[in-house]
C-alpha atoms as a PDB file:
ATOM      1  CA  MET A   1     -66.622 -41.730 -19.875  1.00  0.00           C
ATOM      2  CA  ASP A   2     -62.798 -42.769 -20.529  1.00  0.00           C
ATOM      3  CA  GLU A   3     -63.496 -46.056 -19.108  1.00  0.00           C
ATOM      4  CA  GLN A   4     -67.080 -46.429 -21.346  1.00  0.00           C
ATOM      5  CA  ILE A   5     -65.047 -45.639 -23.927  1.00  0.00           C
ATOM      6  CA  LYS A   6     -62.280 -48.045 -23.483  1.00  0.00           C
ATOM      7  CA  GLN A   7     -64.869 -50.818 -23.051  1.00  0.00           C
ATOM      8  CA  ILE A   8     -66.638 -50.015 -26.372  1.00  0.00           C
ATOM      9  CA  ALA A   9     -63.135 -49.928 -28.195  1.00  0.00           C
ATOM     10  CA  GLU A  10     -62.867 -53.664 -26.428  1.00  0.00           C
ATOM     11  CA  ARG A  11     -65.995 -54.874 -28.076  1.00  0.00           C
ATOM     12  CA  LEU A  12     -65.103 -53.293 -31.264  1.00  0.00           C
ATOM     13  CA  ARG A  13     -62.283 -55.390 -31.389  1.00  0.00           C
ATOM     14  CA  GLY A  14     -63.934 -58.310 -30.128  1.00  0.00           C
ATOM     15  CA  LEU A  15     -66.769 -58.115 -32.882  1.00  0.00           C
ATOM     16  CA  ARG A  16     -63.681 -57.494 -35.448  1.00  0.00           C
ATOM     17  CA  ASP A  17     -61.868 -60.584 -34.126  1.00  0.00           C
ATOM     18  CA  ALA A  18     -65.108 -62.877 -34.265  1.00  0.00           C
ATOM     19  CA  LEU A  19     -65.730 -62.164 -37.744  1.00  0.00           C
ATOM     20  CA  GLU A  20     -61.928 -62.499 -38.504  1.00  0.00           C
ATOM     21  CA  LEU A  21     -61.784 -59.023 -40.051  1.00  0.00           C
ATOM     22  CA  SER A  22     -58.836 -56.913 -40.606  1.00  0.00           C
ATOM     23  CA  PRO A  23     -58.860 -53.480 -39.586  1.00  0.00           C
ATOM     24  CA  GLU A  24     -58.692 -52.149 -42.964  1.00  0.00           C
ATOM     25  CA  GLU A  25     -61.972 -54.053 -44.063  1.00  0.00           C
ATOM     26  CA  VAL A  26     -64.051 -52.858 -41.436  1.00  0.00           C
ATOM     27  CA  ALA A  27     -62.494 -48.955 -41.979  1.00  0.00           C
ATOM     28  CA  LYS A  28     -63.685 -49.472 -45.385  1.00  0.00           C
ATOM     29  CA  ALA A  29     -66.918 -50.837 -44.753  1.00  0.00           C
ATOM     30  CA  CYS A  30     -68.032 -47.921 -42.672  1.00  0.00           C
ATOM     31  CA  GLN A  31     -66.303 -45.260 -44.909  1.00  0.00           C
ATOM     32  CA  LEU A  32     -63.479 -44.521 -42.626  1.00  0.00           C
ATOM     33  CA  SER A  33     -59.872 -44.187 -42.658  1.00  0.00           C
ATOM     34  CA  THR A  34     -57.870 -47.249 -41.413  1.00  0.00           C
ATOM     35  CA  GLU A  35     -56.052 -44.735 -38.875  1.00  0.00           C
ATOM     36  CA  GLU A  36     -59.332 -43.585 -37.649  1.00  0.00           C
ATOM     37  CA  TYR A  37     -60.997 -47.055 -36.975  1.00  0.00           C
ATOM     38  CA  LEU A  38     -57.936 -48.202 -34.938  1.00  0.00           C
ATOM     39  CA  GLN A  39     -58.423 -45.004 -33.041  1.00  0.00           C
ATOM     40  CA  MET A  40     -61.638 -46.070 -32.059  1.00  0.00           C
ATOM     41  CA  GLU A  41     -60.141 -49.218 -31.194  1.00  0.00           C
ATOM     42  CA  SER A  42     -57.886 -48.286 -29.113  1.00  0.00           C
ATOM     43  CA  GLY A  43     -60.325 -46.643 -26.757  1.00  0.00           C
ATOM     44  CA  THR A  44     -58.235 -43.314 -27.042  1.00  0.00           C
ATOM     45  CA  VAL A  45     -60.908 -40.912 -28.872  1.00  0.00           C
ATOM     46  CA  ASP A  46     -64.741 -40.892 -28.721  1.00  0.00           C
ATOM     47  CA  ILE A  47     -66.738 -43.004 -30.972  1.00  0.00           C
ATOM     48  CA  SER A  48     -69.925 -41.110 -32.289  1.00  0.00           C
ATOM     49  CA  VAL A  49     -73.592 -43.018 -32.579  1.00  0.00           C
ATOM     50  CA  SER A  50     -73.542 -42.756 -36.048  1.00  0.00           C
ATOM     51  CA  VAL A  51     -70.201 -44.515 -36.247  1.00  0.00           C
ATOM     52  CA  LEU A  52     -71.785 -47.514 -33.604  1.00  0.00           C
ATOM     53  CA  HIS A  53     -74.751 -47.508 -35.905  1.00  0.00           C
ATOM     54  CA  GLN A  54     -73.160 -48.113 -39.223  1.00  0.00           C
ATOM     55  CA  ILE A  55     -70.926 -50.894 -37.593  1.00  0.00           C
ATOM     56  CA  ALA A  56     -73.739 -52.626 -36.149  1.00  0.00           C
ATOM     57  CA  GLN A  57     -75.900 -52.265 -39.147  1.00  0.00           C
ATOM     58  CA  THR A  58     -73.121 -53.306 -41.395  1.00  0.00           C
ATOM     59  CA  TYR A  59     -72.045 -56.708 -39.538  1.00  0.00           C
ATOM     60  CA  GLY A  60     -75.828 -57.628 -38.132  1.00  0.00           C
ATOM     61  CA  VAL A  61     -75.498 -56.583 -34.494  1.00  0.00           C
ATOM     62  CA  GLU A  62     -77.362 -54.616 -32.185  1.00  0.00           C
ATOM     63  CA  LEU A  63     -76.285 -51.277 -31.448  1.00  0.00           C
ATOM     64  CA  THR A  64     -77.059 -51.341 -27.911  1.00  0.00           C
ATOM     65  CA  THR A  65     -74.597 -54.490 -28.116  1.00  0.00           C
ATOM     66  CA  LEU A  66     -71.791 -52.280 -29.345  1.00  0.00           C
ATOM     67  CA  MET A  67     -72.698 -49.676 -26.945  1.00  0.00           C
ATOM     68  CA  PHE A  68     -73.645 -51.253 -23.219  1.00  0.00           C
ATOM     69  CA  GLY A  69     -72.365 -54.884 -23.978  1.00  0.00           C
ATOM     70  CA  ASP A  70     -75.399 -56.466 -22.887  1.00  0.00           C
ATOM     71  CA  GLU A  71     -77.377 -58.590 -25.539  1.00  0.00           C
ATOM     72  CA  PRO A  72     -81.136 -58.289 -25.915  1.00  0.00           C
ATOM     73  CA  LYS A  73     -83.190 -61.000 -24.727  1.00  0.00           C
ATOM     74  CA  MET A  74     -87.091 -60.078 -24.827  1.00  0.00           C
ATOM     75  CA  SER A  75     -88.955 -60.370 -27.925  1.00  0.00           C
ATOM     76  CA  SER A  76     -92.552 -60.231 -27.198  1.00  0.00           C
ATOM     77  CA  TYR A  77     -91.908 -56.789 -24.927  1.00  0.00           C
ATOM     78  CA  PHE A  78     -89.597 -54.692 -22.672  1.00  0.00           C
ATOM     79  CA  VAL A  79     -90.199 -52.216 -20.384  1.00  0.00           C
ATOM     80  CA  THR A  80     -87.753 -49.965 -19.013  1.00  0.00           C
ATOM     81  CA  ARG A  81     -88.431 -47.915 -16.098  1.00  0.00           C
ATOM     82  CA  LYS A  82     -87.968 -44.672 -15.689  1.00  0.00           C
ATOM     83  CA  ASN A  83     -83.965 -43.721 -14.782  1.00  0.00           C
ATOM     84  CA  LYS A  84     -83.446 -47.313 -15.363  1.00  0.00           C
ATOM     85  CA  GLY A  85     -82.742 -47.316 -18.847  1.00  0.00           C
ATOM     86  CA  VAL A  86     -78.936 -48.708 -19.479  1.00  0.00           C
ATOM     87  CA  ALA A  87     -77.306 -45.692 -19.899  1.00  0.00           C
ATOM     88  CA  VAL A  88     -73.638 -44.155 -21.654  1.00  0.00           C
ATOM     89  CA  GLU A  89     -72.173 -40.761 -21.448  1.00  0.00           C
ATOM     90  CA  ARG A  90     -70.922 -40.610 -24.807  1.00  0.00           C
ATOM     91  CA  VAL A  91     -68.823 -37.367 -24.434  1.00  0.00           C
ATOM     92  CA  LYS A  92     -68.800 -34.981 -21.797  1.00  0.00           C
ATOM     93  CA  ALA A  93     -71.691 -33.344 -23.174  1.00  0.00           C
ATOM     94  CA  TYR A  94     -73.901 -35.883 -24.119  1.00  0.00           C
ATOM     95  CA  LYS A  95     -75.379 -39.077 -22.147  1.00  0.00           C
ATOM     96  CA  TYR A  96     -77.454 -41.503 -24.116  1.00  0.00           C
ATOM     97  CA  GLN A  97     -79.835 -43.979 -22.580  1.00  0.00           C
ATOM     98  CA  SER A  98     -81.432 -46.878 -24.118  1.00  0.00           C
ATOM     99  CA  LEU A  99     -84.935 -47.383 -23.971  1.00  0.00           C
ATOM    100  CA  ALA A 100     -85.314 -50.942 -25.329  1.00  0.00           C
ATOM    101  CA  ALA A 101     -81.680 -52.481 -24.731  1.00  0.00           C
ATOM    102  CA  GLY A 102     -83.727 -56.195 -23.972  1.00  0.00           C
ATOM    103  CA  PHE A 103     -85.417 -56.029 -26.903  1.00  0.00           C
ATOM    104  CA  ALA A 104     -84.057 -58.444 -29.446  1.00  0.00           C
ATOM    105  CA  HIS A 105     -84.309 -57.586 -33.482  1.00  0.00           C
ATOM    106  CA  ARG A 106     -85.675 -54.238 -32.700  1.00  0.00           C
ATOM    107  CA  LYS A 107     -86.286 -52.201 -35.613  1.00  0.00           C
ATOM    108  CA  GLY A 108     -85.694 -48.870 -34.231  1.00  0.00           C
ATOM    109  CA  ASN A 109     -83.145 -47.595 -31.714  1.00  0.00           C
ATOM    110  CA  PRO A 110     -84.884 -45.420 -28.860  1.00  0.00           C
ATOM    111  CA  PHE A 111     -82.729 -43.491 -26.953  1.00  0.00           C
ATOM    112  CA  LEU A 112     -83.201 -40.488 -23.745  1.00  0.00           C
ATOM    113  CA  VAL A 113     -80.656 -38.036 -24.695  1.00  0.00           C
ATOM    114  CA  THR A 114     -79.336 -35.498 -22.161  1.00  0.00           C
ATOM    115  CA  VAL A 115     -77.140 -32.965 -23.710  1.00  0.00           C
ATOM    116  CA  HIS A 116     -75.425 -29.845 -21.435  1.00  0.00           C
ATOM    117  CA  PRO A 117     -74.769 -26.883 -22.814  1.00  0.00           C
ATOM    118  CA  LYS A 118     -71.414 -25.916 -24.165  1.00  0.00           C
ATOM    119  CA  PRO A 119     -69.238 -22.451 -23.890  1.00  0.00           C
ATOM    120  CA  GLU A 120     -70.589 -19.719 -26.382  1.00  0.00           C
ATOM    121  CA  GLY A 121     -69.193 -20.163 -29.756  1.00  0.00           C
ATOM    122  CA  THR A 122     -68.713 -24.012 -29.662  1.00  0.00           C
ATOM    123  CA  PRO A 123     -69.209 -25.622 -33.300  1.00  0.00           C
ATOM    124  CA  ILE A 124     -71.784 -27.839 -33.827  1.00  0.00           C
ATOM    125  CA  TYR A 125     -70.455 -31.602 -34.148  1.00  0.00           C
ATOM    126  CA  ARG A 126     -72.507 -32.801 -37.367  1.00  0.00           C
ATOM    127  CA  ASN A 127     -72.710 -36.782 -38.215  1.00  0.00           C
ATOM    128  CA  THR A 128     -74.254 -38.969 -40.804  1.00  0.00           C
ATOM    129  CA  HIS A 129     -75.762 -42.869 -40.469  1.00  0.00           C
ATOM    130  CA  PRO A 130     -78.226 -44.468 -42.537  1.00  0.00           C
ATOM    131  CA  GLY A 131     -81.765 -44.510 -41.814  1.00  0.00           C
ATOM    132  CA  GLN A 132     -84.157 -42.052 -40.529  1.00  0.00           C
ATOM    133  CA  GLU A 133     -84.261 -40.347 -37.034  1.00  0.00           C
ATOM    134  CA  PHE A 134     -87.027 -38.514 -34.946  1.00  0.00           C
ATOM    135  CA  ASN A 135     -86.274 -36.116 -31.943  1.00  0.00           C
ATOM    136  CA  TYR A 136     -88.706 -35.089 -29.583  1.00  0.00           C
ATOM    137  CA  VAL A 137     -87.941 -32.325 -26.831  1.00  0.00           C
ATOM    138  CA  LEU A 138     -89.167 -33.194 -23.469  1.00  0.00           C
ATOM    139  CA  GLN A 139     -87.198 -30.237 -21.495  1.00  0.00           C
ATOM    140  CA  GLY A 140     -85.179 -27.255 -22.674  1.00  0.00           C
ATOM    141  CA  ARG A 141     -84.829 -25.506 -26.129  1.00  0.00           C
ATOM    142  CA  MET A 142     -81.913 -27.214 -28.657  1.00  0.00           C
ATOM    143  CA  LEU A 143     -80.689 -25.796 -32.097  1.00  0.00           C
ATOM    144  CA  ILE A 144     -80.755 -28.455 -34.164  1.00  0.00           C
ATOM    145  CA  GLU A 145     -79.065 -28.524 -37.766  1.00  0.00           C
ATOM    146  CA  VAL A 146     -79.774 -30.858 -40.596  1.00  0.00           C
ATOM    147  CA  ASN A 147     -78.278 -30.679 -44.212  1.00  0.00           C
ATOM    148  CA  GLY A 148     -76.948 -27.066 -43.502  1.00  0.00           C
ATOM    149  CA  LYS A 149     -80.705 -25.611 -42.193  1.00  0.00           C
ATOM    150  CA  GLN A 150     -80.834 -24.811 -38.349  1.00  0.00           C
ATOM    151  CA  LEU A 151     -84.198 -24.848 -36.421  1.00  0.00           C
ATOM    152  CA  ILE A 152     -85.013 -24.260 -32.925  1.00  0.00           C
ATOM    153  CA  LEU A 153     -86.478 -26.998 -30.971  1.00  0.00           C
ATOM    154  CA  GLU A 154     -88.296 -26.723 -27.602  1.00  0.00           C
ATOM    155  CA  GLU A 155     -90.215 -28.430 -25.151  1.00  0.00           C
ATOM    156  CA  GLY A 156     -93.058 -30.564 -27.017  1.00  0.00           C
ATOM    157  CA  ASP A 157     -91.222 -29.726 -30.490  1.00  0.00           C
ATOM    158  CA  SER A 158     -90.411 -32.921 -32.904  1.00  0.00           C
ATOM    159  CA  ILE A 159     -88.615 -33.445 -36.229  1.00  0.00           C
ATOM    160  CA  TYR A 160     -87.926 -36.535 -38.200  1.00  0.00           C
ATOM    161  CA  PHE A 161     -84.839 -36.584 -41.044  1.00  0.00           C
ATOM    162  CA  ASP A 162     -82.993 -38.218 -43.528  1.00  0.00           C
ATOM    163  CA  SER A 163     -80.301 -39.304 -40.654  1.00  0.00           C
ATOM    164  CA  GLU A 164     -78.241 -39.786 -44.167  1.00  0.00           C
ATOM    165  CA  GLN A 165     -77.793 -35.781 -44.093  1.00  0.00           C
ATOM    166  CA  PRO A 166     -74.827 -33.977 -42.010  1.00  0.00           C
ATOM    167  CA  HIS A 167     -77.065 -33.186 -38.719  1.00  0.00           C
ATOM    168  CA  GLY A 168     -75.920 -32.212 -35.319  1.00  0.00           C
ATOM    169  CA  MET A 169     -77.554 -30.103 -32.399  1.00  0.00           C
ATOM    170  CA  MET A 170     -76.620 -28.040 -29.367  1.00  0.00           C
ATOM    171  CA  ALA A 171     -78.544 -27.225 -26.165  1.00  0.00           C
ATOM    172  CA  LEU A 172     -79.586 -23.672 -25.714  1.00  0.00           C
ATOM    173  CA  ASP A 173     -80.255 -20.845 -22.823  1.00  0.00           C
ATOM    174  CA  GLY A 174     -77.263 -22.114 -20.528  1.00  0.00           C
ATOM    175  CA  GLU A 175     -79.786 -25.157 -19.651  1.00  0.00           C
ATOM    176  CA  LYS A 176     -79.534 -29.247 -20.419  1.00  0.00           C
ATOM    177  CA  VAL A 177     -81.873 -30.342 -23.070  1.00  0.00           C
ATOM    178  CA  CYS A 178     -83.364 -33.886 -23.036  1.00  0.00           C
ATOM    179  CA  PHE A 179     -84.914 -35.594 -25.376  1.00  0.00           C
ATOM    180  CA  LEU A 180     -86.225 -38.809 -27.096  1.00  0.00           C
ATOM    181  CA  ALA A 181     -84.325 -39.662 -30.103  1.00  0.00           C
ATOM    182  CA  ILE A 182     -85.376 -43.021 -32.379  1.00  0.00           C
ATOM    183  CA  ILE A 183     -82.800 -44.411 -35.070  1.00  0.00           C
ATOM    184  CA  LEU A 184     -84.331 -46.145 -37.277  1.00  0.00           C
END
């Protein structure tokens, strides 16, 4: 995971340098403090998908380019074979697998997300990002919180929500949960 965070940090620095922006300008555009943004560029802290999504939208780059470093190449269709999507482990408990990394100019970002259980009493990490999000549970159970409302989703359940509302989730029953997440 540490190496992946460092690679994402390098891509953030590269994007900022290519656009000839100061850290202060990027931080302000993404509603972060300059210190928070510089920590992300240093590669010493994890960077949430919501922040990467906001940076990608603000500067017109693909989210998967920031996350995985690959430029999308396909414009008619893109197939992701089982267990072959470009993957990144965001934090120890979260793994994101892009299901459309090779498709250029996507309107949505589909991911297969695997979340491992955390110790009892661990608080839910909440984030926000522009747009909307759809989650469909493929395996396991999860507690999802959207704008203070907690819901339990089981295999086959789905939720569509305004992702500008604070939201977060956790795996239940001491088991991992796998779900399809589409960020629009």
